[in-house]
């Protein structure tokens, strides 16, 4: 049994014939308006993606600023609490807290409670200078 051979076989056998067919598919004439429309579509999609990325970046920057403010506030709270702990270790702080919160007194100490601040010529707001009045 003999095979039919083409009169002008392409170079490289079947492989070359397949390449020749692909060559014709990819090298078609495309109208200029199709190329222009594809180019515009690519530009618009790129612009939309860039806008979306910019919005995402802006949103992340706002979150970073809020987190930084929160960290600053927490650091300030930690410093305040550390100062309170440092002060709480002193005898003077302990004595003051015992007097004010728990009404403790040292031996021999007397507590005075002023019920009439007018007698001492102290204004109810605590400023004696405001009560000075010129008399005729």
Protein backbone atom coordinates (compact mmCIF):
# COMPACT_ATOMS: atom_id res chain seq x y z
CA UNK A 1 0.00 0.00 0.00
CA UNK A 2 1.43 3.33 -1.05
CA UNK A 3 0.78 6.73 0.43
CA UNK A 4 -0.19 9.68 -1.69
CA UNK A 5 2.47 12.37 -1.59
CA UNK A 6 1.56 15.96 -2.31
CA UNK A 7 3.19 17.59 -5.27
CA UNK A 8 4.79 20.41 -3.28
CA UNK A 9 5.16 19.32 0.36
CA UNK A 10 5.83 22.18 2.83
CA UNK A 11 9.25 22.39 4.43
CA UNK A 12 9.48 20.40 7.65
CA UNK A 13 6.68 17.98 6.79
CA UNK A 14 3.38 18.17 8.74
CA UNK A 15 4.90 20.46 11.31
CA UNK A 16 5.62 23.11 8.68
CA UNK A 17 2.14 22.86 7.24
CA UNK A 18 0.65 23.49 10.72
CA UNK A 19 2.87 26.55 11.17
CA UNK A 20 1.82 27.92 7.83
CA UNK A 21 -1.82 27.69 8.83
CA UNK A 22 -1.20 29.57 12.15
CA UNK A 23 0.76 32.20 10.25
CA UNK A 24 -2.28 32.99 8.17
CA UNK A 25 -4.60 33.17 11.21
CA UNK A 26 -2.47 35.69 13.13
CA UNK A 27 -1.66 37.94 10.19
CA UNK A 28 -5.09 39.01 9.15
CA UNK A 29 -5.87 42.58 8.28
CA UNK A 30 -7.67 44.28 11.16
CA UNK A 31 -9.57 47.53 10.59
CA UNK A 32 -8.06 50.60 12.27
CA UNK A 33 -11.23 51.37 14.26
CA UNK A 34 -11.08 47.91 15.88
CA UNK A 35 -7.52 48.58 17.02
CA UNK A 36 -8.52 52.05 18.26
CA UNK A 37 -11.53 50.64 20.17
CA UNK A 38 -9.38 47.92 21.78
CA UNK A 39 -6.76 50.52 22.74
CA UNK A 40 -9.42 52.78 24.29
CA UNK A 41 -10.95 49.85 26.19
CA UNK A 42 -7.54 48.94 27.62
CA UNK A 43 -6.92 52.56 28.65
CA UNK A 44 -10.32 52.85 30.35
CA UNK A 45 -9.87 49.56 32.21
CA UNK A 46 -6.42 50.68 33.36
CA UNK A 47 -7.78 54.02 34.53
CA UNK A 48 -10.61 52.32 36.46
CA UNK A 49 -8.20 49.90 38.12
CA UNK A 50 -5.88 52.76 39.05
CA UNK A 51 -8.80 54.64 40.64
CA UNK A 52 -9.78 51.55 42.62
CA UNK A 53 -6.20 51.09 43.83
CA UNK A 54 -6.01 54.78 44.81
CA UNK A 55 -9.21 54.47 46.84
CA UNK A 56 -7.86 51.36 48.56
CA UNK A 57 -4.59 53.12 49.35
CA UNK A 58 -6.45 56.13 50.76
CA UNK A 59 -8.63 53.87 52.90
CA UNK A 60 -5.52 52.11 54.25
CA UNK A 61 -3.84 55.45 55.00
CA UNK A 62 -6.88 56.54 57.04
CA UNK A 63 -6.77 53.26 58.97
CA UNK A 64 -3.05 53.73 59.63
CA UNK A 65 -3.65 57.27 60.95
CA UNK A 66 -6.44 56.04 63.24
CA UNK A 67 -4.22 53.22 64.49
CA UNK A 68 -1.37 55.67 65.10
CA UNK A 69 -3.66 57.93 67.10
CA UNK A 70 -4.87 54.96 69.14
CA UNK A 71 -1.27 53.83 69.79
CA UNK A 72 -0.33 57.37 70.88
CA UNK A 73 -3.32 57.50 73.24
CA UNK A 74 -2.47 54.09 74.73
CA UNK A 75 1.18 55.10 75.20
CA UNK A 76 0.02 58.25 77.01
CA UNK A 77 -2.25 56.13 79.22
CA UNK A 78 0.64 53.77 80.01
CA UNK A 79 2.84 56.71 80.99
CA UNK A 80 0.08 58.14 83.19
CA UNK A 81 -0.47 54.79 84.88
CA UNK A 82 3.27 54.29 85.36
CA UNK A 83 3.43 57.71 87.06
CA UNK A 84 0.51 56.75 89.30
CA UNK A 85 2.26 53.50 90.24
CA UNK A 86 5.44 55.42 91.00
CA UNK A 87 3.53 57.88 93.19
CA UNK A 88 1.51 55.12 94.87
CA UNK A 89 4.71 53.64 96.25
CA UNK A 90 5.39 56.74 98.39
CA UNK A 91 4.32 57.01 102.03
CA UNK A 92 2.82 60.46 101.46
CA UNK A 93 0.45 59.12 98.75
CA UNK A 94 -0.62 56.23 100.96
CA UNK A 95 -1.30 58.56 103.90
CA UNK A 96 -3.25 60.98 101.71
CA UNK A 97 -5.40 58.18 100.25
CA UNK A 98 -6.06 56.80 103.74
CA UNK A 99 -7.19 60.24 104.95
CA UNK A 100 -9.39 61.14 101.99
CA UNK A 101 -10.94 57.81 101.05
CA UNK A 102 -11.09 55.96 104.35
CA UNK A 103 -11.14 58.82 106.92
CA UNK A 104 -8.10 57.48 108.78
CA UNK A 105 -6.16 59.77 111.14
CA UNK A 106 -2.70 59.58 112.60
CA UNK A 107 -2.48 59.35 116.38
CA UNK A 108 -2.89 62.83 117.85
CA UNK A 109 -4.32 64.27 114.65
CA UNK A 110 -7.55 66.30 114.76
CA UNK A 111 -9.90 66.73 111.84
CA UNK A 112 -11.50 70.12 111.21
CA UNK A 113 -14.55 70.37 108.98
CA UNK A 114 -15.64 73.86 107.92
CA UNK A 115 -19.41 74.04 107.64
CA UNK A 116 -19.74 77.85 107.26
CA UNK A 117 -17.19 79.19 104.77
CA UNK A 118 -18.75 82.67 105.20
CA UNK A 119 -17.29 82.87 108.69
CA UNK A 120 -13.80 82.54 107.26
CA UNK A 121 -14.63 85.18 104.61
CA UNK A 122 -14.09 82.63 101.84
CA UNK A 123 -16.40 82.80 98.87
CA UNK A 124 -18.34 79.64 98.01
CA UNK A 125 -16.23 79.41 94.84
CA UNK A 126 -13.10 79.52 96.98
CA UNK A 127 -11.82 82.98 95.96
CA UNK A 128 -11.77 85.62 98.71
CA UNK A 129 -10.69 88.41 96.35
CA UNK A 130 -13.99 88.37 94.49
CA UNK A 131 -15.94 89.35 97.61
CA UNK A 132 -14.17 92.63 98.19
CA UNK A 133 -16.73 95.40 97.82
CA UNK A 134 -16.07 99.16 97.95
CA UNK A 135 -18.09 100.79 100.67
CA UNK A 136 -19.15 104.48 100.46
